[in-house]
Structures are given as C-alpha cells and as structure tokens.
N, C-alpha and C. Protein backbone atom coordinates (compact mmCIF):
# COMPACT_ATOMS: atom_id res chain seq x y z
N MET A 1 108.68 130.00 109.83
CA MET A 1 109.10 128.73 109.26
C MET A 1 109.67 127.86 110.36
N THR A 2 109.33 126.56 110.34
CA THR A 2 109.82 125.62 111.35
C THR A 2 110.98 124.82 110.79
N ASN A 3 111.60 124.04 111.66
CA ASN A 3 112.71 123.19 111.24
C ASN A 3 112.25 121.78 110.89
N GLN A 4 110.95 121.55 110.83
CA GLN A 4 110.44 120.23 110.50
C GLN A 4 110.54 119.98 109.01
N LYS A 5 110.76 118.70 108.66
CA LYS A 5 110.75 118.33 107.25
C LYS A 5 109.32 118.31 106.75
N ALA A 6 109.15 118.70 105.49
CA ALA A 6 107.83 118.60 104.87
C ALA A 6 107.46 117.13 104.77
N GLN A 7 106.21 116.83 105.01
CA GLN A 7 105.74 115.45 104.96
C GLN A 7 104.88 115.24 103.72
N HIS A 8 105.17 114.18 102.99
CA HIS A 8 104.32 113.84 101.85
C HIS A 8 103.33 112.76 102.27
N THR A 9 102.34 112.56 101.46
CA THR A 9 101.38 111.49 101.69
C THR A 9 102.10 110.18 101.45
N PRO A 10 102.13 109.30 102.43
CA PRO A 10 102.87 108.04 102.24
C PRO A 10 102.27 107.19 101.13
N GLY A 11 103.12 106.41 100.50
CA GLY A 11 102.67 105.49 99.45
C GLY A 11 102.08 104.24 100.06
N PRO A 12 101.68 103.32 99.26
CA PRO A 12 101.81 103.38 97.80
C PRO A 12 100.74 104.28 97.17
N TRP A 13 101.09 104.77 95.99
CA TRP A 13 100.15 105.54 95.18
C TRP A 13 99.80 104.70 93.96
N ARG A 14 98.63 104.95 93.39
CA ARG A 14 98.16 104.16 92.26
C ARG A 14 97.60 105.10 91.19
N VAL A 15 97.72 104.69 89.94
CA VAL A 15 97.19 105.46 88.81
C VAL A 15 95.83 104.90 88.43
N GLU A 16 94.89 105.78 88.24
CA GLU A 16 93.58 105.43 87.69
C GLU A 16 93.27 106.38 86.55
N GLN A 17 92.49 105.90 85.59
CA GLN A 17 92.09 106.72 84.46
C GLN A 17 90.71 107.29 84.73
N ASN A 18 90.54 108.56 84.38
CA ASN A 18 89.26 109.23 84.58
C ASN A 18 88.99 110.08 83.34
N GLY A 19 88.42 109.49 82.35
CA GLY A 19 88.14 110.23 81.11
C GLY A 19 89.43 110.65 80.42
N ARG A 20 89.66 111.96 80.36
CA ARG A 20 90.86 112.47 79.68
C ARG A 20 91.99 112.78 80.65
N ALA A 21 91.88 112.33 81.91
CA ALA A 21 92.93 112.58 82.90
C ALA A 21 93.38 111.27 83.51
N SER A 22 94.64 111.25 83.93
CA SER A 22 95.15 110.16 84.74
C SER A 22 95.27 110.69 86.15
N ILE A 23 94.74 109.96 87.11
CA ILE A 23 94.68 110.42 88.49
C ILE A 23 95.55 109.52 89.36
N ILE A 24 96.36 110.15 90.21
CA ILE A 24 97.20 109.41 91.15
C ILE A 24 96.51 109.49 92.50
N ILE A 25 96.20 108.32 93.07
CA ILE A 25 95.50 108.28 94.34
C ILE A 25 96.32 107.54 95.37
N CYS A 26 96.01 107.78 96.62
CA CYS A 26 96.70 107.17 97.74
C CYS A 26 96.04 105.84 98.08
N MET A 27 96.84 104.86 98.44
CA MET A 27 96.34 103.53 98.82
C MET A 27 96.63 103.30 100.31
N ARG A 28 95.68 102.71 101.02
CA ARG A 28 95.87 102.32 102.42
C ARG A 28 95.24 100.96 102.63
N ASP A 29 95.98 100.04 103.16
CA ASP A 29 95.48 98.69 103.43
C ASP A 29 94.83 98.08 102.20
N GLY A 30 95.44 98.33 101.04
CA GLY A 30 94.93 97.78 99.80
C GLY A 30 93.70 98.46 99.24
N LYS A 31 93.27 99.54 99.87
CA LYS A 31 92.07 100.26 99.42
C LYS A 31 92.45 101.67 98.98
N ALA A 32 91.78 102.14 97.95
CA ALA A 32 92.03 103.50 97.47
C ALA A 32 91.36 104.51 98.38
N TYR A 33 92.09 105.54 98.73
CA TYR A 33 91.49 106.65 99.47
C TYR A 33 90.72 107.52 98.49
N SER A 34 89.87 108.35 98.99
CA SER A 34 89.00 109.12 98.13
C SER A 34 89.60 110.46 97.70
N PHE A 35 90.87 110.71 97.99
CA PHE A 35 91.44 111.98 97.56
C PHE A 35 92.50 111.77 96.50
N THR A 36 92.69 112.78 95.69
CA THR A 36 93.61 112.75 94.57
C THR A 36 94.93 113.37 94.98
N ILE A 37 96.02 112.70 94.67
CA ILE A 37 97.37 113.24 94.88
C ILE A 37 97.68 114.22 93.76
N ALA A 38 97.41 113.81 92.51
CA ALA A 38 97.71 114.65 91.34
C ALA A 38 96.89 114.15 90.17
N GLU A 39 96.75 115.00 89.16
CA GLU A 39 96.13 114.62 87.90
C GLU A 39 97.06 115.03 86.78
N THR A 40 97.14 114.21 85.76
CA THR A 40 97.92 114.55 84.58
C THR A 40 96.97 114.61 83.38
N PHE A 41 97.28 115.50 82.46
CA PHE A 41 96.45 115.71 81.28
C PHE A 41 97.34 115.68 80.05
N GLY A 42 96.74 115.69 78.89
CA GLY A 42 97.48 115.74 77.64
C GLY A 42 97.20 114.51 76.80
N TYR A 43 98.10 114.25 75.86
CA TYR A 43 97.97 113.06 75.03
C TYR A 43 98.05 111.82 75.89
N LYS A 44 97.30 110.80 75.55
CA LYS A 44 97.15 109.60 76.38
C LYS A 44 98.48 109.02 76.84
N GLU A 45 99.39 108.75 75.91
CA GLU A 45 100.65 108.11 76.27
C GLU A 45 101.47 108.97 77.23
N GLU A 46 101.50 110.28 76.95
CA GLU A 46 102.28 111.18 77.79
C GLU A 46 101.66 111.33 79.19
N ARG A 47 100.36 111.51 79.26
CA ARG A 47 99.73 111.68 80.58
C ARG A 47 99.85 110.42 81.40
N GLU A 48 99.74 109.23 80.76
CA GLU A 48 99.88 107.97 81.49
C GLU A 48 101.31 107.77 81.98
N SER A 49 102.29 108.12 81.15
CA SER A 49 103.70 108.03 81.57
C SER A 49 103.99 108.97 82.73
N ASN A 50 103.49 110.20 82.64
CA ASN A 50 103.67 111.16 83.72
C ASN A 50 103.01 110.67 85.00
N ALA A 51 101.83 110.10 84.87
CA ALA A 51 101.12 109.59 86.05
C ALA A 51 101.90 108.45 86.70
N ARG A 52 102.44 107.54 85.91
CA ARG A 52 103.24 106.44 86.48
C ARG A 52 104.48 106.98 87.19
N LEU A 53 105.11 107.99 86.61
CA LEU A 53 106.29 108.58 87.24
C LEU A 53 105.92 109.21 88.58
N ILE A 54 104.84 109.97 88.61
CA ILE A 54 104.41 110.59 89.86
C ILE A 54 104.03 109.53 90.89
N ALA A 55 103.30 108.51 90.46
CA ALA A 55 102.87 107.46 91.38
C ALA A 55 104.05 106.68 91.97
N SER A 56 105.16 106.65 91.27
CA SER A 56 106.34 105.93 91.77
C SER A 56 107.17 106.77 92.74
N ALA A 57 106.81 108.04 92.94
CA ALA A 57 107.62 108.94 93.77
C ALA A 57 107.91 108.40 95.17
N PRO A 58 106.94 107.89 95.92
CA PRO A 58 107.28 107.38 97.26
C PRO A 58 108.29 106.23 97.21
N ASP A 59 108.16 105.35 96.21
CA ASP A 59 109.10 104.24 96.08
C ASP A 59 110.48 104.74 95.68
N LEU A 60 110.54 105.71 94.78
CA LEU A 60 111.82 106.27 94.35
C LEU A 60 112.53 106.97 95.51
N LEU A 61 111.78 107.72 96.32
CA LEU A 61 112.37 108.39 97.47
C LEU A 61 112.92 107.36 98.46
N ALA A 62 112.17 106.32 98.73
CA ALA A 62 112.63 105.27 99.65
C ALA A 62 113.89 104.59 99.10
N ALA A 63 113.93 104.33 97.80
CA ALA A 63 115.12 103.71 97.20
C ALA A 63 116.33 104.63 97.31
N CYS A 64 116.14 105.92 97.07
CA CYS A 64 117.23 106.88 97.20
C CYS A 64 117.78 106.89 98.62
N LYS A 65 116.89 106.84 99.59
CA LYS A 65 117.34 106.83 100.99
C LYS A 65 118.14 105.58 101.30
N ARG A 66 117.72 104.43 100.76
CA ARG A 66 118.48 103.19 100.98
C ARG A 66 119.86 103.27 100.33
N VAL A 67 119.93 103.83 99.13
CA VAL A 67 121.22 103.99 98.45
C VAL A 67 122.12 104.93 99.24
N ALA A 68 121.56 106.01 99.76
CA ALA A 68 122.35 106.97 100.55
C ALA A 68 122.92 106.30 101.80
N GLU A 69 122.12 105.49 102.48
CA GLU A 69 122.60 104.77 103.66
C GLU A 69 123.68 103.76 103.28
N TRP A 70 123.46 103.05 102.17
CA TRP A 70 124.45 102.09 101.70
C TRP A 70 125.77 102.82 101.39
N GLY A 71 125.67 104.00 100.80
CA GLY A 71 126.86 104.76 100.43
C GLY A 71 127.67 105.20 101.63
N LYS A 72 127.01 105.42 102.77
CA LYS A 72 127.75 105.79 103.98
C LYS A 72 128.70 104.70 104.41
N VAL A 73 128.32 103.46 104.18
CA VAL A 73 129.12 102.31 104.62
C VAL A 73 130.04 101.80 103.51
N HIS A 74 129.50 101.71 102.31
CA HIS A 74 130.22 101.05 101.22
C HIS A 74 130.67 101.99 100.11
N GLY A 75 130.44 103.29 100.27
CA GLY A 75 130.77 104.24 99.22
C GLY A 75 132.25 104.25 98.88
N THR A 76 132.53 104.34 97.62
CA THR A 76 133.90 104.43 97.13
C THR A 76 134.04 105.74 96.36
N PRO A 77 135.26 106.20 96.16
CA PRO A 77 135.45 107.43 95.40
C PRO A 77 134.79 107.39 94.02
N GLU A 78 134.71 106.21 93.43
CA GLU A 78 134.14 106.08 92.09
C GLU A 78 132.65 106.40 92.06
N ILE A 79 131.94 106.21 93.16
CA ILE A 79 130.50 106.43 93.15
C ILE A 79 130.08 107.70 93.88
N GLN A 80 131.03 108.51 94.30
CA GLN A 80 130.69 109.72 95.04
C GLN A 80 129.81 110.68 94.25
N GLY A 81 130.03 110.78 92.94
CA GLY A 81 129.19 111.64 92.12
C GLY A 81 127.75 111.17 92.09
N ILE A 82 127.57 109.86 92.01
CA ILE A 82 126.22 109.30 92.03
C ILE A 82 125.56 109.55 93.38
N LEU A 83 126.31 109.35 94.45
CA LEU A 83 125.76 109.58 95.79
C LEU A 83 125.40 111.04 95.99
N CYS A 84 126.17 111.94 95.41
CA CYS A 84 125.85 113.37 95.48
C CYS A 84 124.51 113.64 94.80
N ASP A 85 124.29 113.00 93.64
CA ASP A 85 123.01 113.14 92.94
C ASP A 85 121.86 112.57 93.78
N VAL A 86 122.10 111.45 94.43
CA VAL A 86 121.08 110.82 95.28
C VAL A 86 120.71 111.75 96.43
N HIS A 87 121.70 112.31 97.09
CA HIS A 87 121.45 113.23 98.20
C HIS A 87 120.70 114.48 97.71
N SER A 88 121.05 114.97 96.54
CA SER A 88 120.36 116.14 95.98
C SER A 88 118.90 115.83 95.71
N ALA A 89 118.63 114.64 95.17
CA ALA A 89 117.24 114.24 94.89
C ALA A 89 116.43 114.14 96.18
N ILE A 90 117.03 113.58 97.23
CA ILE A 90 116.35 113.47 98.52
C ILE A 90 116.04 114.86 99.07
N GLU A 91 117.04 115.74 99.02
CA GLU A 91 116.84 117.11 99.52
C GLU A 91 115.75 117.82 98.75
N LYS A 92 115.71 117.63 97.44
CA LYS A 92 114.68 118.28 96.63
C LYS A 92 113.29 117.74 96.99
N ALA A 93 113.20 116.44 97.20
CA ALA A 93 111.90 115.83 97.55
C ALA A 93 111.42 116.26 98.91
N GLU A 94 112.35 116.50 99.83
CA GLU A 94 111.97 116.82 101.21
C GLU A 94 112.09 118.30 101.55
N ALA A 95 112.32 119.14 100.54
CA ALA A 95 112.50 120.57 100.78
C ALA A 95 111.23 121.19 101.34
N GLN A 96 111.41 122.17 102.21
CA GLN A 96 110.29 122.91 102.75
C GLN A 96 110.02 124.10 101.85
N GLN A 97 108.79 124.48 101.79
CA GLN A 97 108.40 125.67 101.02
C GLN A 97 108.27 126.84 101.95
C-alpha cells in the first residue's frame, strides 16, 4: 500500500438515460467520454435521483474542501461539529482501499 491519495475521475459528470438504467458519464471539454462512471437501476424516480446524487459527487467534494478551508480561518466553536462532519466526508471520499 502506498501513501498516495486515491484519485477519482474528475468532474463534471453527467446523467444519461439508457433504457431501464441511468448512466453517469464523465465530461471533458463539454463532450461526453465513452466510459461509464456508474449505472443506477430500479424504479425510474429512485434510479434518476440516485444518478443525480452520484453525478454531483465531484462538485460536493470540491464544496466540502472549500468549507474545510474556510473553517480553518473563520471557524467558530459553534460550527466545529459541522466542520468535523465535513472533514469526515472528505476523508471517506478520498479513502484508499
């Protein structure tokens, strides 16, 4: 095992429908890449909601990192619990297997 952080496919990611599945694909320079990040299945509303959540992952991770940096400078005792949750989410997203 190395000390490097696991790397995810950079965003943005986009949701496309493919029959009975919702597919999350990677975007580069406004164009869809030909590989699938993930597929969701199930009832239409649920699979589409899950796909949107997965597709937002790169944006959510970036937002968490901005909040963590902001907390280093402007954090108050009142928001320390929230910042702890933010740091936990970042660690979970970047954990090595």
